[in-house]
Amino acid sequence: MQKSLIRLSEVQRRTGYSKAWIYRLMSEGKFPASVKIGARAIAFVEGEVDEWINQRIAESRKEVA
């Protein structure tokens, strides 16, 4: 798993979700937690986000099969 950090804008680009929806999923425990990187800045572990995306794809494929 990659340990690189990516910013919220990149997470939005990769998922297609809005900032508000990402925060909602995080509060429900359905999205990887953010990492505080500064007084007013957060980022996400790239590998965790990629894994989450891959799980959504796998779940989608199971429903179709």
PDB file of N, CA and C in Angstrom:
ATOM      1  N   MET A   1       0.848  -1.187   0.000  1.00  0.00           N
ATOM      2  CA  MET A   1       0.000   0.000   0.000  1.00  0.00           C
ATOM      3  C   MET A   1       0.888   1.242   0.000  1.00  0.00           C
ATOM      4  N   GLN A   2       0.523   2.195  -0.843  1.00  0.00           N
ATOM      5  CA  GLN A   2       1.292   3.432  -0.910  1.00  0.00           C
ATOM      6  C   GLN A   2       1.061   4.281   0.333  1.00  0.00           C
ATOM      7  N   LYS A   3       2.133   4.906   0.804  1.00  0.00           N
ATOM      8  CA  LYS A   3       2.041   5.777   1.972  1.00  0.00           C
ATOM      9  C   LYS A   3       2.076   7.254   1.591  1.00  0.00           C
ATOM     10  N   SER A   4       1.927   7.556   0.320  1.00  0.00           N
ATOM     11  CA  SER A   4       1.904   8.952  -0.123  1.00  0.00           C
ATOM     12  C   SER A   4       0.608   9.610   0.335  1.00  0.00           C
ATOM     13  N   LEU A   5       0.685  10.920   0.554  1.00  0.00           N
ATOM     14  CA  LEU A   5      -0.498  11.678   0.933  1.00  0.00           C
ATOM     15  C   LEU A   5      -1.014  12.440  -0.272  1.00  0.00           C
ATOM     16  N   ILE A   6      -2.336  12.473  -0.409  1.00  0.00           N
ATOM     17  CA  ILE A   6      -2.965  13.254  -1.466  1.00  0.00           C
ATOM     18  C   ILE A   6      -3.971  14.200  -0.828  1.00  0.00           C
ATOM     19  N   ARG A   7      -4.134  15.332  -1.457  1.00  0.00           N
ATOM     20  CA  ARG A   7      -5.034  16.346  -0.929  1.00  0.00           C
ATOM     21  C   ARG A   7      -6.476  16.063  -1.326  1.00  0.00           C
ATOM     22  N   LEU A   8      -7.388  16.753  -0.679  1.00  0.00           N
ATOM     23  CA  LEU A   8      -8.820  16.558  -0.894  1.00  0.00           C
ATOM     24  C   LEU A   8      -9.212  16.750  -2.356  1.00  0.00           C
ATOM     25  N   SER A   9      -8.629  17.730  -3.017  1.00  0.00           N
ATOM     26  CA  SER A   9      -8.983  17.971  -4.417  1.00  0.00           C
ATOM     27  C   SER A   9      -8.676  16.753  -5.288  1.00  0.00           C
ATOM     28  N   GLU A  10      -7.589  16.049  -4.997  1.00  0.00           N
ATOM     29  CA  GLU A  10      -7.248  14.843  -5.749  1.00  0.00           C
ATOM     30  C   GLU A  10      -8.213  13.706  -5.409  1.00  0.00           C
ATOM     31  N   VAL A  11      -8.623  13.611  -4.156  1.00  0.00           N
ATOM     32  CA  VAL A  11      -9.611  12.605  -3.759  1.00  0.00           C
ATOM     33  C   VAL A  11     -10.924  12.865  -4.484  1.00  0.00           C
ATOM     34  N   GLN A  12     -11.323  14.113  -4.571  1.00  0.00           N
ATOM     35  CA  GLN A  12     -12.543  14.474  -5.296  1.00  0.00           C
ATOM     36  C   GLN A  12     -12.431  14.085  -6.759  1.00  0.00           C
ATOM     37  N   ARG A  13     -11.281  14.352  -7.365  1.00  0.00           N
ATOM     38  CA  ARG A  13     -11.073  14.013  -8.770  1.00  0.00           C
ATOM     39  C   ARG A  13     -11.155  12.504  -8.983  1.00  0.00           C
ATOM     40  N   ARG A  14     -10.562  11.740  -8.090  1.00  0.00           N
ATOM     41  CA  ARG A  14     -10.524  10.282  -8.250  1.00  0.00           C
ATOM     42  C   ARG A  14     -11.875   9.624  -7.996  1.00  0.00           C
ATOM     43  N   THR A  15     -12.641  10.147  -7.048  1.00  0.00           N
ATOM     44  CA  THR A  15     -13.915   9.525  -6.694  1.00  0.00           C
ATOM     45  C   THR A  15     -15.102  10.116  -7.443  1.00  0.00           C
ATOM     46  N   GLY A  16     -14.990  11.373  -7.845  1.00  0.00           N
ATOM     47  CA  GLY A  16     -16.120  12.060  -8.457  1.00  0.00           C
ATOM     48  C   GLY A  16     -17.094  12.597  -7.420  1.00  0.00           C
ATOM     49  N   TYR A  17     -16.725  12.519  -6.157  1.00  0.00           N
ATOM     50  CA  TYR A  17     -17.590  12.984  -5.067  1.00  0.00           C
ATOM     51  C   TYR A  17     -17.279  14.424  -4.697  1.00  0.00           C
ATOM     52  N   SER A  18     -18.280  15.099  -4.150  1.00  0.00           N
ATOM     53  CA  SER A  18     -18.081  16.453  -3.653  1.00  0.00           C
ATOM     54  C   SER A  18     -17.401  16.407  -2.288  1.00  0.00           C
ATOM     55  N   LYS A  19     -16.881  17.548  -1.884  1.00  0.00           N
ATOM     56  CA  LYS A  19     -16.249  17.675  -0.571  1.00  0.00           C
ATOM     57  C   LYS A  19     -17.236  17.282   0.534  1.00  0.00           C
ATOM     58  N   ALA A  20     -18.451  17.795   0.444  1.00  0.00           N
ATOM     59  CA  ALA A  20     -19.463  17.506   1.466  1.00  0.00           C
ATOM     60  C   ALA A  20     -19.775  16.011   1.549  1.00  0.00           C
ATOM     61  N   TRP A  21     -19.858  15.341   0.404  1.00  0.00           N
ATOM     62  CA  TRP A  21     -20.185  13.916   0.400  1.00  0.00           C
ATOM     63  C   TRP A  21     -19.033  13.097   0.986  1.00  0.00           C
ATOM     64  N   ILE A  22     -17.812  13.478   0.686  1.00  0.00           N
ATOM     65  CA  ILE A  22     -16.653  12.781   1.255  1.00  0.00           C
ATOM     66  C   ILE A  22     -16.664  12.919   2.771  1.00  0.00           C
ATOM     67  N   TYR A  23     -16.902  14.131   3.265  1.00  0.00           N
ATOM     68  CA  TYR A  23     -16.966  14.341   4.716  1.00  0.00           C
ATOM     69  C   TYR A  23     -18.108  13.545   5.347  1.00  0.00           C
ATOM     70  N   ARG A  24     -19.228  13.448   4.662  1.00  0.00           N
ATOM     71  CA  ARG A  24     -20.358  12.677   5.188  1.00  0.00           C
ATOM     72  C   ARG A  24     -19.990  11.191   5.301  1.00  0.00           C
ATOM     73  N   LEU A  25     -19.390  10.653   4.244  1.00  0.00           N
ATOM     74  CA  LEU A  25     -18.960   9.253   4.277  1.00  0.00           C
ATOM     75  C   LEU A  25     -17.937   9.018   5.385  1.00  0.00           C
ATOM     76  N   MET A  26     -17.026   9.966   5.570  1.00  0.00           N
ATOM     77  CA  MET A  26     -16.030   9.846   6.642  1.00  0.00           C
ATOM     78  C   MET A  26     -16.718   9.803   8.004  1.00  0.00           C
ATOM     79  N   SER A  27     -17.705  10.651   8.219  1.00  0.00           N
ATOM     80  CA  SER A  27     -18.390  10.704   9.513  1.00  0.00           C
ATOM     81  C   SER A  27     -19.169   9.427   9.792  1.00  0.00           C
ATOM     82  N   GLU A  28     -19.579   8.736   8.721  1.00  0.00           N
ATOM     83  CA  GLU A  28     -20.297   7.474   8.862  1.00  0.00           C
ATOM     84  C   GLU A  28     -19.359   6.270   8.901  1.00  0.00           C
ATOM     85  N   GLY A  29     -18.062   6.527   8.813  1.00  0.00           N
ATOM     86  CA  GLY A  29     -17.077   5.456   8.832  1.00  0.00           C
ATOM     87  C   GLY A  29     -17.030   4.654   7.541  1.00  0.00           C
ATOM     88  N   LYS A  30     -17.496   5.260   6.445  1.00  0.00           N
ATOM     89  CA  LYS A  30     -17.560   4.569   5.159  1.00  0.00           C
ATOM     90  C   LYS A  30     -16.507   5.039   4.172  1.00  0.00           C
ATOM     91  N   PHE A  31     -15.562   5.857   4.634  1.00  0.00           N
ATOM     92  CA  PHE A  31     -14.498   6.367   3.780  1.00  0.00           C
ATOM     93  C   PHE A  31     -13.254   6.505   4.640  1.00  0.00           C
ATOM     94  N   PRO A  32     -12.067   6.303   4.066  1.00  0.00           N
ATOM     95  CA  PRO A  32     -10.834   6.413   4.855  1.00  0.00           C
ATOM     96  C   PRO A  32     -10.709   7.766   5.554  1.00  0.00           C
ATOM     97  N   ALA A  33     -10.230   7.735   6.777  1.00  0.00           N
ATOM     98  CA  ALA A  33     -10.067   8.957   7.564  1.00  0.00           C
ATOM     99  C   ALA A  33      -8.942   9.815   7.004  1.00  0.00           C
ATOM    100  N   SER A  34      -9.091  11.103   7.205  1.00  0.00           N
ATOM    101  CA  SER A  34      -8.057  12.041   6.759  1.00  0.00           C
ATOM    102  C   SER A  34      -6.937  12.106   7.793  1.00  0.00           C
ATOM    103  N   VAL A  35      -5.813  12.675   7.366  1.00  0.00           N
ATOM    104  CA  VAL A  35      -4.645  12.875   8.220  1.00  0.00           C
ATOM    105  C   VAL A  35      -4.414  14.373   8.326  1.00  0.00           C
ATOM    106  N   LYS A  36      -4.296  14.870   9.534  1.00  0.00           N
ATOM    107  CA  LYS A  36      -4.047  16.305   9.724  1.00  0.00           C
ATOM    108  C   LYS A  36      -2.576  16.576   9.402  1.00  0.00           C
ATOM    109  N   ILE A  37      -2.345  17.478   8.456  1.00  0.00           N
ATOM    110  CA  ILE A  37      -0.967  17.778   8.051  1.00  0.00           C
ATOM    111  C   ILE A  37      -0.558  19.214   8.372  1.00  0.00           C
ATOM    112  N   GLY A  38      -1.448  19.959   8.968  1.00  0.00           N
ATOM    113  CA  GLY A  38      -1.156  21.342   9.336  1.00  0.00           C
ATOM    114  C   GLY A  38      -2.294  21.898  10.158  1.00  0.00           C
ATOM    115  N   ALA A  39      -2.170  23.141  10.552  1.00  0.00           N
ATOM    116  CA  ALA A  39      -3.187  23.771  11.384  1.00  0.00           C
ATOM    117  C   ALA A  39      -4.560  23.763  10.714  1.00  0.00           C
ATOM    118  N   ARG A  40      -4.573  23.961   9.390  1.00  0.00           N
ATOM    119  CA  ARG A  40      -5.836  23.999   8.662  1.00  0.00           C
ATOM    120  C   ARG A  40      -5.776  23.179   7.385  1.00  0.00           C
ATOM    121  N   ALA A  41      -5.033  22.078   7.434  1.00  0.00           N
ATOM    122  CA  ALA A  41      -4.855  21.274   6.226  1.00  0.00           C
ATOM    123  C   ALA A  41      -4.971  19.784   6.546  1.00  0.00           C
ATOM    124  N   ILE A  42      -5.620  19.069   5.636  1.00  0.00           N
ATOM    125  CA  ILE A  42      -5.719  17.620   5.759  1.00  0.00           C
ATOM    126  C   ILE A  42      -5.284  16.989   4.445  1.00  0.00           C
ATOM    127  N   ALA A  43      -5.002  15.702   4.533  1.00  0.00           N
ATOM    128  CA  ALA A  43      -4.682  14.916   3.344  1.00  0.00           C
ATOM    129  C   ALA A  43      -5.188  13.502   3.606  1.00  0.00           C
ATOM    130  N   PHE A  44      -5.077  12.669   2.606  1.00  0.00           N
ATOM    131  CA  PHE A  44      -5.514  11.287   2.720  1.00  0.00           C
ATOM    132  C   PHE A  44      -4.371  10.386   2.304  1.00  0.00           C
ATOM    133  N   VAL A  45      -4.310   9.192   2.899  1.00  0.00           N
ATOM    134  CA  VAL A  45      -3.301   8.215   2.503  1.00  0.00           C
ATOM    135  C   VAL A  45      -3.731   7.653   1.150  1.00  0.00           C
ATOM    136  N   GLU A  46      -2.895   7.834   0.157  1.00  0.00           N
ATOM    137  CA  GLU A  46      -3.242   7.457  -1.213  1.00  0.00           C
ATOM    138  C   GLU A  46      -3.637   5.986  -1.324  1.00  0.00           C
ATOM    139  N   GLY A  47      -2.891   5.111  -0.690  1.00  0.00           N
ATOM    140  CA  GLY A  47      -3.173   3.679  -0.760  1.00  0.00           C
ATOM    141  C   GLY A  47      -4.537   3.330  -0.181  1.00  0.00           C
ATOM    142  N   GLU A  48      -4.937   4.008   0.906  1.00  0.00           N
ATOM    143  CA  GLU A  48      -6.250   3.751   1.503  1.00  0.00           C
ATOM    144  C   GLU A  48      -7.374   4.182   0.569  1.00  0.00           C
ATOM    145  N   VAL A  49      -7.193   5.317  -0.083  1.00  0.00           N
ATOM    146  CA  VAL A  49      -8.204   5.799  -1.024  1.00  0.00           C
ATOM    147  C   VAL A  49      -8.283   4.855  -2.222  1.00  0.00           C
ATOM    148  N   ASP A  50      -7.135   4.448  -2.742  1.00  0.00           N
ATOM    149  CA  ASP A  50      -7.113   3.510  -3.874  1.00  0.00           C
ATOM    150  C   ASP A  50      -7.787   2.192  -3.508  1.00  0.00           C
ATOM    151  N   GLU A  51      -7.523   1.705  -2.309  1.00  0.00           N
ATOM    152  CA  GLU A  51      -8.147   0.461  -1.847  1.00  0.00           C
ATOM    153  C   GLU A  51      -9.662   0.621  -1.747  1.00  0.00           C
ATOM    154  N   TRP A  52     -10.111   1.752  -1.231  1.00  0.00           N
ATOM    155  CA  TRP A  52     -11.539   2.024  -1.108  1.00  0.00           C
ATOM    156  C   TRP A  52     -12.190   2.030  -2.492  1.00  0.00           C
ATOM    157  N   ILE A  53     -11.540   2.676  -3.463  1.00  0.00           N
ATOM    158  CA  ILE A  53     -12.061   2.718  -4.831  1.00  0.00           C
ATOM    159  C   ILE A  53     -12.137   1.304  -5.402  1.00  0.00           C
ATOM    160  N   ASN A  54     -11.088   0.520  -5.218  1.00  0.00           N
ATOM    161  CA  ASN A  54     -11.072  -0.857  -5.729  1.00  0.00           C
ATOM    162  C   ASN A  54     -12.171  -1.709  -5.098  1.00  0.00           C
ATOM    163  N   GLN A  55     -12.461  -1.485  -3.817  1.00  0.00           N
ATOM    164  CA  GLN A  55     -13.548  -2.213  -3.156  1.00  0.00           C
ATOM    165  C   GLN A  55     -14.897  -1.846  -3.767  1.00  0.00           C
ATOM    166  N   ARG A  56     -15.113  -0.558  -4.067  1.00  0.00           N
ATOM    167  CA  ARG A  56     -16.372  -0.136  -4.701  1.00  0.00           C
ATOM    168  C   ARG A  56     -16.520  -0.813  -6.066  1.00  0.00           C
ATOM    169  N   ILE A  57     -15.432  -0.885  -6.812  1.00  0.00           N
ATOM    170  CA  ILE A  57     -15.469  -1.528  -8.132  1.00  0.00           C
ATOM    171  C   ILE A  57     -15.822  -3.005  -7.968  1.00  0.00           C
ATOM    172  N   ALA A  58     -15.162  -3.683  -7.025  1.00  0.00           N
ATOM    173  CA  ALA A  58     -15.403  -5.109  -6.808  1.00  0.00           C
ATOM    174  C   ALA A  58     -16.854  -5.352  -6.388  1.00  0.00           C
ATOM    175  N   GLU A  59     -17.393  -4.510  -5.508  1.00  0.00           N
ATOM    176  CA  GLU A  59     -18.788  -4.651  -5.081  1.00  0.00           C
ATOM    177  C   GLU A  59     -19.726  -4.461  -6.257  1.00  0.00           C
ATOM    178  N   SER A  60     -19.427  -3.519  -7.101  1.00  0.00           N
ATOM    179  CA  SER A  60     -20.257  -3.248  -8.268  1.00  0.00           C
ATOM    180  C   SER A  60     -20.253  -4.442  -9.227  1.00  0.00           C
ATOM    181  N   ARG A  61     -19.105  -5.032  -9.411  1.00  0.00           N
ATOM    182  CA  ARG A  61     -18.978  -6.181 -10.322  1.00  0.00           C
ATOM    183  C   ARG A  61     -19.733  -7.395  -9.787  1.00  0.00           C
ATOM    184  N   LYS A  62     -19.740  -7.582  -8.473  1.00  0.00           N
ATOM    185  CA  LYS A  62     -20.460  -8.710  -7.857  1.00  0.00           C
ATOM    186  C   LYS A  62     -21.959  -8.586  -8.082  1.00  0.00           C
ATOM    187  N   GLU A  63     -22.464  -7.351  -7.983  1.00  0.00           N
ATOM    188  CA  GLU A  63     -23.905  -7.118  -8.164  1.00  0.00           C
ATOM    189  C   GLU A  63     -24.334  -7.427  -9.582  1.00  0.00           C
ATOM    190  N   VAL A  64     -23.464  -7.165 -10.535  1.00  0.00           N
ATOM    191  CA  VAL A  64     -23.780  -7.394 -11.943  1.00  0.00           C
ATOM    192  C   VAL A  64     -23.744  -8.885 -12.269  1.00  0.00           C
ATOM    193  N   ALA A  65     -22.785  -9.596 -11.665  1.00  0.00           N
ATOM    194  CA  ALA A  65     -22.590 -11.020 -11.966  1.00  0.00           C
ATOM    195  C   ALA A  65     -23.730 -11.887 -11.479  1.00  0.00           C
TER     196      ALA A  65
END
